[in-house]
């Protein structure tokens, strides 16, 4: 009788886990983790105002100047194009700072411009789905997406998934060499128990279902 061979799908998923961020111990067993109810979110920075990023859609209103009022998407080079001003650097600025910049530059063309910039649509975020989900790889979500929405977007679990072993790997921009592993139970998500249901994903998060 020939020895049992590993299932190809499971084997490929295991290799993907090993390759991902060099986290072989995290995929091979439970390893070190923190329950979502115990996870401490980092406090916001002192300057917590939203910073514009490429892909954002901005609403730019110039009071009493309908021809200058527009909706603009921030290009990959971080700029937007506006009437009279051509390219304006937007990425990295807050909406308030950008409105001041546009207002100052418009003074060469109109008297006493009053400009308001607001975020109309935030850039969708990308997370990576790994392990025992139907579709592994990058997944584009709305900026406020929850873990439950991410699991649904990945097509749900495979037949070999452990619903109580869902891990979110997150780098908190700290000095830690490895990401924090946040453990969540599926039943807590669907029952809206504890902090699991309100847990929000962040761009760059990796979701691993074991």
N, C-alpha and C. Protein backbone atom coordinates (compact mmCIF):
# COMPACT_ATOMS: atom_id res chain seq x y z
N UNK A 1 0.85 -1.20 0.00
CA UNK A 1 0.00 0.00 0.00
C UNK A 1 0.89 1.25 0.00
N UNK A 2 0.69 2.16 -0.97
CA UNK A 2 1.55 3.34 -1.10
C UNK A 2 1.25 4.34 0.00
N UNK A 3 2.29 5.09 0.43
CA UNK A 3 2.07 6.09 1.48
C UNK A 3 1.10 7.16 1.03
N UNK A 4 0.39 7.72 2.00
CA UNK A 4 -0.59 8.76 1.70
C UNK A 4 0.10 10.03 1.22
N UNK A 5 -0.35 10.59 0.12
CA UNK A 5 0.22 11.82 -0.40
C UNK A 5 -0.61 13.02 0.08
N UNK A 6 0.05 14.13 0.34
CA UNK A 6 -0.72 15.31 0.76
C UNK A 6 -1.60 15.80 -0.36
N UNK A 7 -2.78 16.30 0.00
CA UNK A 7 -3.68 16.85 -1.00
C UNK A 7 -3.01 18.04 -1.68
N UNK A 8 -3.03 18.11 -3.05
CA UNK A 8 -2.34 19.20 -3.75
C UNK A 8 -2.78 20.58 -3.29
N UNK A 9 -4.09 20.77 -3.12
CA UNK A 9 -4.58 22.10 -2.74
C UNK A 9 -4.06 22.50 -1.38
N UNK A 10 -4.11 21.54 -0.43
CA UNK A 10 -3.64 21.84 0.92
C UNK A 10 -2.15 22.09 0.91
N UNK A 11 -1.40 21.28 0.11
CA UNK A 11 0.05 21.42 0.05
C UNK A 11 0.43 22.79 -0.50
N UNK A 12 -0.26 23.23 -1.55
CA UNK A 12 0.05 24.53 -2.14
C UNK A 12 -0.26 25.67 -1.17
N UNK A 13 -1.35 25.50 -0.41
CA UNK A 13 -1.68 26.53 0.58
C UNK A 13 -0.61 26.58 1.67
N UNK A 14 -0.13 25.43 2.06
CA UNK A 14 0.91 25.39 3.09
C UNK A 14 2.17 26.08 2.60
N UNK A 15 2.56 25.83 1.33
CA UNK A 15 3.73 26.50 0.78
C UNK A 15 3.53 28.00 0.74
N UNK A 16 2.32 28.43 0.41
CA UNK A 16 2.05 29.86 0.36
C UNK A 16 2.21 30.48 1.73
N UNK A 17 1.76 29.77 2.76
CA UNK A 17 1.90 30.27 4.13
C UNK A 17 3.36 30.39 4.52
N UNK A 18 4.17 29.39 4.13
CA UNK A 18 5.59 29.41 4.47
C UNK A 18 6.27 30.59 3.82
N UNK A 19 5.89 30.87 2.56
CA UNK A 19 6.53 31.97 1.84
C UNK A 19 6.10 33.33 2.34
N UNK A 20 4.88 33.43 2.83
CA UNK A 20 4.30 34.71 3.19
C UNK A 20 5.06 35.36 4.34
N UNK A 21 5.75 36.45 4.02
CA UNK A 21 6.43 37.26 5.04
C UNK A 21 7.42 36.46 5.87
N UNK A 22 7.83 35.29 5.41
CA UNK A 22 8.76 34.48 6.18
C UNK A 22 8.18 33.97 7.46
N UNK A 23 6.89 33.64 7.49
CA UNK A 23 6.19 33.30 8.73
C UNK A 23 5.90 31.81 8.82
N UNK A 24 6.88 30.96 8.60
CA UNK A 24 6.64 29.52 8.66
C UNK A 24 6.10 29.06 10.01
N UNK A 25 6.61 29.53 11.16
CA UNK A 25 6.06 29.07 12.43
C UNK A 25 4.61 29.42 12.62
N UNK A 26 4.18 30.59 12.07
CA UNK A 26 2.80 31.01 12.26
C UNK A 26 1.83 30.10 11.52
N UNK A 27 2.28 29.55 10.36
CA UNK A 27 1.38 28.73 9.57
C UNK A 27 1.42 27.28 10.00
N UNK A 28 2.50 26.86 10.62
CA UNK A 28 2.64 25.46 10.98
C UNK A 28 1.93 25.08 12.26
N UNK A 29 1.55 26.02 13.07
CA UNK A 29 0.88 25.72 14.33
C UNK A 29 0.24 26.97 14.85
N UNK A 30 -0.31 26.89 16.04
CA UNK A 30 -0.97 28.07 16.58
C UNK A 30 0.01 29.19 16.85
N UNK A 31 1.21 28.84 17.34
CA UNK A 31 2.22 29.86 17.56
C UNK A 31 1.76 30.92 18.56
N UNK A 32 2.40 32.06 18.49
CA UNK A 32 2.10 33.17 19.39
C UNK A 32 1.01 34.04 18.78
N UNK A 33 0.02 34.40 19.59
CA UNK A 33 -1.08 35.23 19.10
C UNK A 33 -1.72 35.96 20.27
N UNK A 34 -2.61 36.91 19.93
CA UNK A 34 -3.41 37.61 20.93
C UNK A 34 -4.86 37.52 20.48
N UNK A 35 -5.76 37.21 21.41
CA UNK A 35 -7.19 37.17 21.07
C UNK A 35 -7.66 38.58 20.72
N UNK A 36 -8.62 38.66 19.81
CA UNK A 36 -9.10 39.96 19.38
C UNK A 36 -9.65 40.78 20.54
N UNK A 37 -10.24 40.14 21.53
CA UNK A 37 -10.78 40.86 22.69
C UNK A 37 -9.68 41.49 23.54
N UNK A 38 -8.46 40.99 23.40
CA UNK A 38 -7.34 41.49 24.20
C UNK A 38 -6.41 42.38 23.39
N UNK A 39 -6.67 42.48 22.09
CA UNK A 39 -5.78 43.26 21.23
C UNK A 39 -5.94 44.75 21.53
N UNK A 40 -4.82 45.42 21.73
CA UNK A 40 -4.81 46.84 22.04
C UNK A 40 -4.46 47.63 20.78
N UNK A 41 -5.44 48.38 20.30
CA UNK A 41 -5.18 49.23 19.14
C UNK A 41 -4.18 50.31 19.52
N UNK A 42 -3.29 50.63 18.58
CA UNK A 42 -2.36 51.72 18.83
C UNK A 42 -3.12 53.03 18.89
N UNK A 43 -2.79 53.92 19.84
CA UNK A 43 -3.48 55.22 19.89
C UNK A 43 -3.16 56.02 18.63
N UNK A 44 -4.10 56.84 18.18
CA UNK A 44 -3.85 57.64 16.99
C UNK A 44 -2.70 58.61 17.21
N UNK A 45 -2.05 58.97 16.13
CA UNK A 45 -0.95 59.93 16.22
C UNK A 45 -1.48 61.28 16.66
N UNK A 46 -0.56 62.12 17.12
CA UNK A 46 -0.96 63.45 17.57
C UNK A 46 -1.67 64.19 16.44
N UNK A 47 -1.08 64.10 15.23
CA UNK A 47 -1.74 64.68 14.06
C UNK A 47 -2.56 63.58 13.41
N UNK A 48 -3.80 63.44 13.84
CA UNK A 48 -4.63 62.34 13.37
C UNK A 48 -5.50 62.71 12.17
N UNK A 49 -5.29 63.91 11.61
CA UNK A 49 -6.08 64.33 10.46
C UNK A 49 -5.80 63.42 9.27
N UNK A 50 -6.82 63.18 8.48
CA UNK A 50 -6.69 62.28 7.34
C UNK A 50 -5.72 62.86 6.32
N UNK A 51 -4.83 62.00 5.82
CA UNK A 51 -3.89 62.38 4.78
C UNK A 51 -4.32 61.77 3.45
N UNK A 52 -4.39 62.58 2.46
CA UNK A 52 -4.84 62.14 1.14
C UNK A 52 -3.81 61.19 0.54
N UNK A 53 -4.31 60.14 -0.14
CA UNK A 53 -3.43 59.16 -0.79
C UNK A 53 -3.88 58.97 -2.24
N UNK A 54 -2.98 58.49 -3.12
CA UNK A 54 -3.39 58.20 -4.50
C UNK A 54 -4.56 57.22 -4.52
N UNK A 55 -5.53 57.50 -5.38
CA UNK A 55 -6.72 56.67 -5.46
C UNK A 55 -7.92 57.29 -4.77
N UNK A 56 -7.70 58.25 -3.87
CA UNK A 56 -8.81 58.95 -3.24
C UNK A 56 -9.55 59.80 -4.28
N UNK A 57 -10.84 59.98 -4.06
CA UNK A 57 -11.63 60.87 -4.90
C UNK A 57 -12.02 62.08 -4.05
N UNK A 58 -11.69 63.27 -4.52
CA UNK A 58 -11.91 64.49 -3.76
C UNK A 58 -13.00 65.34 -4.39
N UNK A 59 -13.76 66.00 -3.52
CA UNK A 59 -14.74 66.99 -3.97
C UNK A 59 -14.13 68.37 -3.70
N UNK A 60 -13.98 69.16 -4.74
CA UNK A 60 -13.35 70.48 -4.63
C UNK A 60 -14.38 71.53 -5.03
N UNK A 61 -14.75 72.35 -4.07
CA UNK A 61 -15.76 73.37 -4.31
C UNK A 61 -15.14 74.77 -4.16
N UNK A 62 -15.40 75.59 -5.15
CA UNK A 62 -14.95 76.99 -5.11
C UNK A 62 -16.20 77.86 -5.07
N UNK A 63 -16.34 78.57 -3.98
CA UNK A 63 -17.57 79.34 -3.76
C UNK A 63 -17.82 80.33 -4.90
N UNK A 64 -19.04 80.28 -5.42
CA UNK A 64 -19.50 81.19 -6.47
C UNK A 64 -18.74 81.03 -7.78
N UNK A 65 -18.10 79.86 -7.96
CA UNK A 65 -17.36 79.59 -9.19
C UNK A 65 -17.68 78.16 -9.63
N UNK A 66 -18.84 78.00 -10.25
CA UNK A 66 -19.28 76.66 -10.63
C UNK A 66 -18.33 75.98 -11.61
N UNK A 67 -17.70 76.75 -12.48
CA UNK A 67 -16.79 76.16 -13.47
C UNK A 67 -15.55 75.56 -12.83
N UNK A 68 -15.22 76.00 -11.62
CA UNK A 68 -14.04 75.49 -10.92
C UNK A 68 -14.39 74.39 -9.92
N UNK A 69 -15.66 74.25 -9.63
CA UNK A 69 -16.09 73.19 -8.72
C UNK A 69 -16.06 71.85 -9.45
N UNK A 70 -15.39 70.88 -8.86
CA UNK A 70 -15.16 69.64 -9.59
C UNK A 70 -14.97 68.46 -8.64
N UNK A 71 -14.90 67.30 -9.24
CA UNK A 71 -14.63 66.04 -8.54
C UNK A 71 -13.36 65.47 -9.17
N UNK A 72 -12.33 65.21 -8.35
CA UNK A 72 -11.05 64.81 -8.91
C UNK A 72 -10.50 63.58 -8.19
N UNK A 73 -9.95 62.67 -8.98
CA UNK A 73 -9.31 61.48 -8.42
C UNK A 73 -7.81 61.72 -8.36
N UNK A 74 -7.22 61.40 -7.22
CA UNK A 74 -5.78 61.58 -7.04
C UNK A 74 -5.05 60.51 -7.85
N UNK A 75 -4.20 60.95 -8.76
CA UNK A 75 -3.47 60.02 -9.61
C UNK A 75 -2.36 59.30 -8.84
N UNK A 76 -1.77 58.32 -9.48
CA UNK A 76 -0.70 57.55 -8.84
C UNK A 76 0.51 58.41 -8.52
N UNK A 77 0.69 59.51 -9.25
CA UNK A 77 1.80 60.41 -8.95
C UNK A 77 1.47 61.37 -7.81
N UNK A 78 0.26 61.20 -7.22
CA UNK A 78 -0.13 62.00 -6.07
C UNK A 78 -0.74 63.35 -6.41
N UNK A 79 -1.00 63.61 -7.68
CA UNK A 79 -1.49 64.92 -8.09
C UNK A 79 -2.92 64.85 -8.64
N UNK A 80 -3.53 66.02 -8.70
CA UNK A 80 -4.83 66.19 -9.36
C UNK A 80 -4.70 67.31 -10.37
N UNK A 81 -5.58 67.32 -11.35
CA UNK A 81 -5.57 68.37 -12.36
C UNK A 81 -6.79 69.25 -12.17
N UNK A 82 -6.56 70.58 -12.14
CA UNK A 82 -7.64 71.55 -11.96
C UNK A 82 -7.55 72.64 -13.02
N UNK A 83 -8.70 73.19 -13.35
CA UNK A 83 -8.76 74.29 -14.31
C UNK A 83 -7.90 75.45 -13.81
N UNK A 84 -7.12 76.04 -14.72
CA UNK A 84 -6.20 77.15 -14.45
C UNK A 84 -4.89 76.67 -13.80
N UNK A 85 -4.98 75.71 -12.89
CA UNK A 85 -3.81 75.35 -12.08
C UNK A 85 -3.04 74.15 -12.62
N UNK A 86 -3.61 73.44 -13.56
CA UNK A 86 -2.98 72.22 -14.06
C UNK A 86 -2.76 71.23 -12.92
N UNK A 87 -1.52 70.77 -12.71
CA UNK A 87 -1.26 69.76 -11.68
C UNK A 87 -1.08 70.38 -10.31
N UNK A 88 -1.76 69.78 -9.31
CA UNK A 88 -1.66 70.22 -7.92
C UNK A 88 -1.28 69.01 -7.08
N UNK A 89 -0.26 69.14 -6.26
CA UNK A 89 0.18 68.05 -5.38
C UNK A 89 -0.85 67.86 -4.26
N UNK A 90 -1.44 66.66 -4.20
CA UNK A 90 -2.50 66.41 -3.21
C UNK A 90 -2.11 65.35 -2.19
N UNK A 91 -1.44 64.29 -2.62
CA UNK A 91 -1.11 63.19 -1.72
C UNK A 91 -0.23 63.67 -0.57
N UNK A 92 -0.55 63.17 0.63
CA UNK A 92 0.22 63.53 1.82
C UNK A 92 -0.32 64.74 2.55
N UNK A 93 -1.23 65.46 1.94
CA UNK A 93 -1.81 66.63 2.58
C UNK A 93 -3.16 66.29 3.19
N UNK A 94 -3.57 67.08 4.15
CA UNK A 94 -4.94 66.97 4.66
C UNK A 94 -5.86 67.75 3.73
N UNK A 95 -7.15 67.45 3.72
CA UNK A 95 -8.07 68.25 2.90
C UNK A 95 -8.00 69.74 3.21
N UNK A 96 -7.81 70.08 4.48
CA UNK A 96 -7.76 71.49 4.87
C UNK A 96 -6.53 72.18 4.28
N UNK A 97 -5.37 71.50 4.35
CA UNK A 97 -4.15 72.09 3.79
C UNK A 97 -4.23 72.21 2.27
N UNK A 98 -4.82 71.21 1.63
CA UNK A 98 -4.96 71.26 0.18
C UNK A 98 -5.88 72.40 -0.24
N UNK A 99 -6.96 72.62 0.51
CA UNK A 99 -7.88 73.72 0.17
C UNK A 99 -7.16 75.06 0.28
N UNK A 100 -6.28 75.20 1.28
CA UNK A 100 -5.53 76.44 1.43
C UNK A 100 -4.56 76.64 0.26
N UNK A 101 -3.91 75.55 -0.16
CA UNK A 101 -2.97 75.63 -1.28
C UNK A 101 -3.68 76.05 -2.57
N UNK A 102 -4.83 75.42 -2.83
CA UNK A 102 -5.58 75.75 -4.04
C UNK A 102 -6.09 77.20 -3.96
N UNK A 103 -6.55 77.57 -2.79
CA UNK A 103 -7.07 78.92 -2.59
C UNK A 103 -6.00 79.96 -2.88
N UNK A 104 -4.78 79.72 -2.39
CA UNK A 104 -3.67 80.66 -2.61
C UNK A 104 -3.33 80.78 -4.09
N UNK A 105 -3.28 79.65 -4.79
CA UNK A 105 -2.92 79.68 -6.21
C UNK A 105 -4.01 80.28 -7.08
N UNK A 106 -5.26 80.18 -6.66
CA UNK A 106 -6.36 80.74 -7.44
C UNK A 106 -6.44 82.26 -7.35
N UNK A 107 -5.74 82.84 -6.39
CA UNK A 107 -5.77 84.30 -6.24
C UNK A 107 -5.21 85.02 -7.47
N UNK A 108 -4.42 84.29 -8.26
CA UNK A 108 -3.88 84.88 -9.49
C UNK A 108 -4.94 84.96 -10.59
N UNK A 109 -6.08 84.31 -10.38
CA UNK A 109 -7.09 84.24 -11.43
C UNK A 109 -8.44 84.82 -11.03
N UNK A 110 -8.81 84.71 -9.75
CA UNK A 110 -10.09 85.24 -9.29
C UNK A 110 -9.89 85.98 -7.97
N UNK A 111 -10.82 86.86 -7.66
CA UNK A 111 -10.72 87.65 -6.43
C UNK A 111 -11.29 86.89 -5.24
N UNK A 112 -10.56 86.86 -4.16
CA UNK A 112 -11.00 86.29 -2.90
C UNK A 112 -11.62 84.89 -3.05
N UNK A 113 -10.88 83.95 -3.57
CA UNK A 113 -11.43 82.59 -3.72
C UNK A 113 -11.64 81.93 -2.35
N UNK A 114 -12.71 81.20 -2.25
CA UNK A 114 -12.99 80.41 -1.04
C UNK A 114 -13.13 78.95 -1.49
N UNK A 115 -12.20 78.11 -1.03
CA UNK A 115 -12.12 76.73 -1.51
C UNK A 115 -12.38 75.75 -0.37
N UNK A 116 -13.17 74.74 -0.66
CA UNK A 116 -13.42 73.66 0.30
C UNK A 116 -13.08 72.33 -0.37
N UNK A 117 -12.23 71.55 0.28
CA UNK A 117 -11.87 70.22 -0.22
C UNK A 117 -12.36 69.18 0.78
N UNK A 118 -13.07 68.18 0.29
CA UNK A 118 -13.54 67.10 1.15
C UNK A 118 -13.28 65.76 0.49
N UNK A 119 -13.14 64.74 1.32
CA UNK A 119 -12.92 63.38 0.81
C UNK A 119 -14.27 62.79 0.42
N UNK A 120 -14.44 62.51 -0.87
CA UNK A 120 -15.70 61.95 -1.35
C UNK A 120 -15.67 60.42 -1.31
N UNK A 121 -14.57 59.84 -1.75
CA UNK A 121 -14.41 58.38 -1.73
C UNK A 121 -12.97 58.06 -1.34
N UNK A 122 -12.80 57.29 -0.27
CA UNK A 122 -11.46 56.87 0.12
C UNK A 122 -10.98 55.74 -0.78
N UNK A 123 -9.69 55.67 -0.99
CA UNK A 123 -9.12 54.60 -1.81
C UNK A 123 -9.47 53.25 -1.20
N UNK A 124 -9.95 52.30 -2.02
CA UNK A 124 -10.20 50.96 -1.48
C UNK A 124 -8.92 50.37 -0.91
N UNK A 125 -9.06 49.54 0.12
CA UNK A 125 -7.88 48.93 0.71
C UNK A 125 -7.71 47.50 0.19
N UNK A 126 -6.47 47.02 0.25
CA UNK A 126 -6.16 45.67 -0.18
C UNK A 126 -5.62 44.87 1.00
N UNK A 127 -6.22 43.71 1.24
CA UNK A 127 -5.72 42.76 2.23
C UNK A 127 -5.38 41.47 1.48
N UNK A 128 -4.66 40.58 2.14
CA UNK A 128 -4.29 39.30 1.52
C UNK A 128 -4.95 38.17 2.27
N UNK A 129 -5.63 37.30 1.55
CA UNK A 129 -6.31 36.15 2.13
C UNK A 129 -5.47 34.89 1.90
N UNK A 130 -5.25 34.13 2.97
CA UNK A 130 -4.40 32.95 2.90
C UNK A 130 -5.05 31.78 3.62
N UNK A 131 -4.53 30.58 3.35
CA UNK A 131 -4.97 29.39 4.07
C UNK A 131 -6.24 28.78 3.51
N UNK A 132 -7.11 28.32 4.40
CA UNK A 132 -8.28 27.54 4.01
C UNK A 132 -9.49 28.41 3.68
N UNK A 133 -9.31 29.26 2.65
CA UNK A 133 -10.43 30.01 2.07
C UNK A 133 -10.50 29.65 0.60
N UNK A 134 -11.64 29.87 0.00
CA UNK A 134 -11.84 29.43 -1.38
C UNK A 134 -10.96 30.18 -2.37
N UNK A 135 -10.72 31.47 -2.11
CA UNK A 135 -9.90 32.26 -3.02
C UNK A 135 -8.79 32.93 -2.23
N UNK A 136 -7.55 32.50 -2.45
CA UNK A 136 -6.43 33.10 -1.74
C UNK A 136 -5.80 34.18 -2.61
N UNK A 137 -5.12 35.11 -1.96
CA UNK A 137 -4.46 36.19 -2.67
C UNK A 137 -5.01 37.54 -2.28
N UNK A 138 -4.61 38.60 -2.99
CA UNK A 138 -5.06 39.95 -2.67
C UNK A 138 -6.57 40.08 -2.84
N UNK A 139 -7.17 40.87 -1.94
CA UNK A 139 -8.61 41.11 -1.98
C UNK A 139 -8.85 42.60 -1.75
N UNK A 140 -9.53 43.24 -2.68
CA UNK A 140 -9.82 44.67 -2.58
C UNK A 140 -11.15 44.86 -1.86
N UNK A 141 -11.13 45.71 -0.82
CA UNK A 141 -12.30 45.94 0.02
C UNK A 141 -12.54 47.43 0.24
N UNK A 142 -13.73 47.75 0.69
CA UNK A 142 -14.00 49.12 1.10
C UNK A 142 -13.16 49.47 2.33
N UNK A 143 -12.80 50.75 2.51
CA UNK A 143 -11.90 51.12 3.60
C UNK A 143 -12.40 50.74 5.00
N UNK A 144 -13.71 50.59 5.18
CA UNK A 144 -14.27 50.27 6.50
C UNK A 144 -14.67 48.80 6.61
N UNK A 145 -14.13 47.95 5.75
CA UNK A 145 -14.55 46.55 5.71
C UNK A 145 -14.21 45.81 7.00
N UNK A 146 -15.06 44.86 7.36
CA UNK A 146 -14.86 44.03 8.53
C UNK A 146 -14.24 42.69 8.11
N UNK A 147 -13.81 41.94 9.11
CA UNK A 147 -13.25 40.62 8.84
C UNK A 147 -14.29 39.69 8.22
N UNK A 148 -15.53 39.79 8.67
CA UNK A 148 -16.60 38.95 8.12
C UNK A 148 -16.80 39.25 6.63
N UNK A 149 -16.71 40.51 6.25
CA UNK A 149 -16.84 40.88 4.84
C UNK A 149 -15.67 40.35 4.02
N UNK A 150 -14.49 40.34 4.62
CA UNK A 150 -13.32 39.82 3.91
C UNK A 150 -13.46 38.32 3.68
N UNK A 151 -13.93 37.60 4.68
CA UNK A 151 -14.12 36.15 4.52
C UNK A 151 -15.16 35.86 3.44
N UNK A 152 -16.22 36.64 3.41
CA UNK A 152 -17.24 36.46 2.37
C UNK A 152 -16.66 36.77 0.99
N UNK A 153 -15.84 37.82 0.91
CA UNK A 153 -15.23 38.19 -0.35
C UNK A 153 -14.26 37.15 -0.87
N UNK A 154 -13.69 36.36 0.03
CA UNK A 154 -12.77 35.29 -0.36
C UNK A 154 -13.50 33.98 -0.64
N UNK A 155 -14.83 34.02 -0.64
CA UNK A 155 -15.61 32.83 -0.98
C UNK A 155 -15.87 31.89 0.16
N UNK A 156 -15.59 32.31 1.40
CA UNK A 156 -15.84 31.44 2.55
C UNK A 156 -14.75 30.41 2.76
N UNK A 157 -15.00 29.49 3.69
CA UNK A 157 -14.02 28.48 4.08
C UNK A 157 -14.00 27.30 3.12
N UNK A 158 -12.87 26.59 3.11
CA UNK A 158 -12.83 25.28 2.46
C UNK A 158 -13.36 24.25 3.46
N UNK A 159 -13.47 23.01 3.01
CA UNK A 159 -13.95 21.94 3.88
C UNK A 159 -12.97 21.60 4.99
N UNK A 160 -11.74 22.08 4.88
CA UNK A 160 -10.71 21.70 5.86
C UNK A 160 -10.38 22.83 6.83
N UNK A 161 -11.16 23.90 6.80
CA UNK A 161 -10.88 25.05 7.65
C UNK A 161 -11.27 24.78 9.10
N UNK A 162 -10.55 25.43 10.02
CA UNK A 162 -10.89 25.45 11.44
C UNK A 162 -11.49 26.83 11.73
N UNK A 163 -12.80 26.95 11.82
CA UNK A 163 -13.43 28.27 11.99
C UNK A 163 -13.02 29.01 13.26
N UNK A 164 -12.44 28.29 14.23
CA UNK A 164 -12.01 28.97 15.45
C UNK A 164 -10.53 29.36 15.36
N UNK A 165 -9.93 29.18 14.17
CA UNK A 165 -8.51 29.51 14.00
C UNK A 165 -8.34 30.45 12.82
N UNK A 166 -8.92 31.64 12.99
CA UNK A 166 -8.77 32.72 12.02
C UNK A 166 -7.77 33.71 12.62
N UNK A 167 -6.76 34.06 11.86
CA UNK A 167 -5.72 34.96 12.35
C UNK A 167 -5.57 36.15 11.40
N UNK A 168 -5.47 37.34 11.99
CA UNK A 168 -5.16 38.54 11.22
C UNK A 168 -3.73 38.93 11.57
N UNK A 169 -2.86 38.97 10.56
CA UNK A 169 -1.47 39.36 10.75
C UNK A 169 -1.35 40.83 10.42
N UNK A 170 -0.92 41.60 11.39
CA UNK A 170 -0.91 43.06 11.24
C UNK A 170 0.41 43.64 11.71
N UNK A 171 0.97 44.49 10.88
CA UNK A 171 2.15 45.26 11.27
C UNK A 171 1.68 46.62 11.75
N UNK A 172 2.03 46.95 13.01
CA UNK A 172 1.55 48.18 13.62
C UNK A 172 2.55 49.33 13.51
N UNK A 173 3.44 49.27 12.52
CA UNK A 173 4.45 50.30 12.34
C UNK A 173 5.27 50.48 13.61
N UNK A 174 5.50 49.38 14.30
CA UNK A 174 6.30 49.42 15.52
C UNK A 174 7.66 48.82 15.23
N UNK A 175 8.48 48.71 16.29
CA UNK A 175 9.81 48.17 16.13
C UNK A 175 9.81 46.64 16.14
N UNK A 176 8.66 46.01 16.30
CA UNK A 176 8.60 44.55 16.34
C UNK A 176 8.98 43.97 14.99
N UNK A 177 9.86 42.94 14.97
CA UNK A 177 10.29 42.37 13.69
C UNK A 177 9.21 41.58 12.97
N UNK A 178 8.24 41.06 13.71
CA UNK A 178 7.18 40.25 13.12
C UNK A 178 5.83 40.92 13.37
N UNK A 179 4.84 40.65 12.52
CA UNK A 179 3.52 41.24 12.74
C UNK A 179 2.82 40.64 13.95
N UNK A 180 1.86 41.36 14.47
CA UNK A 180 1.01 40.84 15.53
C UNK A 180 0.01 39.87 14.93
N UNK A 181 -0.20 38.72 15.59
CA UNK A 181 -1.19 37.75 15.12
C UNK A 181 -2.41 37.85 16.02
N UNK A 182 -3.52 38.25 15.43
CA UNK A 182 -4.76 38.49 16.18
C UNK A 182 -5.71 37.35 15.85
N UNK A 183 -6.13 36.62 16.89
CA UNK A 183 -6.95 35.44 16.67
C UNK A 183 -8.44 35.76 16.87
N UNK A 184 -9.25 35.21 15.97
CA UNK A 184 -10.70 35.46 16.00
C UNK A 184 -11.42 34.13 15.76
N UNK A 185 -12.53 33.94 16.47
CA UNK A 185 -13.40 32.78 16.23
C UNK A 185 -14.54 33.20 15.30
N UNK A 186 -14.85 32.34 14.35
CA UNK A 186 -15.94 32.63 13.40
C UNK A 186 -17.28 32.75 14.13
N UNK A 187 -17.50 31.92 15.13
CA UNK A 187 -18.79 31.97 15.82
C UNK A 187 -18.98 33.31 16.53
N UNK A 188 -17.87 33.94 16.97
CA UNK A 188 -17.99 35.26 17.59
C UNK A 188 -18.38 36.31 16.55
N UNK A 189 -17.91 36.11 15.32
CA UNK A 189 -18.25 37.05 14.25
C UNK A 189 -19.74 36.98 13.92
N UNK A 190 -20.25 35.77 13.73
CA UNK A 190 -21.65 35.64 13.30
C UNK A 190 -22.64 35.84 14.44
N UNK A 191 -22.16 35.69 15.69
CA UNK A 191 -23.04 35.93 16.84
C UNK A 191 -22.91 37.35 17.37
N UNK A 192 -22.00 38.12 16.76
CA UNK A 192 -21.76 39.51 17.20
C UNK A 192 -21.37 39.56 18.67
N UNK A 193 -20.46 38.67 19.04
CA UNK A 193 -20.01 38.60 20.42
C UNK A 193 -18.63 39.21 20.57
N UNK A 194 -18.42 39.92 21.68
CA UNK A 194 -17.12 40.50 21.97
C UNK A 194 -16.74 41.57 20.95
N UNK A 195 -15.44 41.78 20.81
CA UNK A 195 -14.95 42.82 19.92
C UNK A 195 -14.78 42.33 18.49
N UNK A 196 -15.00 41.04 18.26
CA UNK A 196 -14.75 40.47 16.92
C UNK A 196 -15.60 41.15 15.86
N UNK A 197 -16.89 41.36 16.13
CA UNK A 197 -17.80 41.86 15.10
C UNK A 197 -17.44 43.29 14.68
N UNK A 198 -16.87 44.07 15.59
CA UNK A 198 -16.52 45.45 15.25
C UNK A 198 -15.08 45.63 14.82
N UNK A 199 -14.34 44.52 14.71
CA UNK A 199 -12.93 44.60 14.36
C UNK A 199 -12.79 45.00 12.89
N UNK A 200 -12.07 46.08 12.63
CA UNK A 200 -11.90 46.59 11.27
C UNK A 200 -10.53 46.21 10.74
N UNK A 201 -10.51 45.79 9.49
CA UNK A 201 -9.25 45.49 8.84
C UNK A 201 -8.56 46.78 8.43
N UNK A 202 -7.25 46.66 8.18
CA UNK A 202 -6.46 47.79 7.72
C UNK A 202 -5.74 47.40 6.43
N UNK A 203 -5.39 48.39 5.61
CA UNK A 203 -4.61 48.07 4.41
C UNK A 203 -3.34 47.31 4.77
N UNK A 204 -3.06 46.26 4.04
CA UNK A 204 -1.86 45.47 4.30
C UNK A 204 -2.05 44.32 5.25
N UNK A 205 -3.20 44.22 5.91
CA UNK A 205 -3.47 43.08 6.78
C UNK A 205 -3.44 41.78 5.98
N UNK A 206 -3.03 40.69 6.64
CA UNK A 206 -3.07 39.36 6.05
C UNK A 206 -3.98 38.50 6.89
N UNK A 207 -4.99 37.91 6.28
CA UNK A 207 -5.94 37.05 6.98
C UNK A 207 -5.60 35.60 6.66
N UNK A 208 -5.32 34.81 7.70
CA UNK A 208 -4.97 33.41 7.52
C UNK A 208 -6.00 32.55 8.24
N UNK A 209 -6.61 31.63 7.52
CA UNK A 209 -7.55 30.67 8.10
C UNK A 209 -6.84 29.31 8.11
N UNK A 210 -6.67 28.75 9.30
CA UNK A 210 -5.95 27.47 9.41
C UNK A 210 -6.90 26.28 9.32
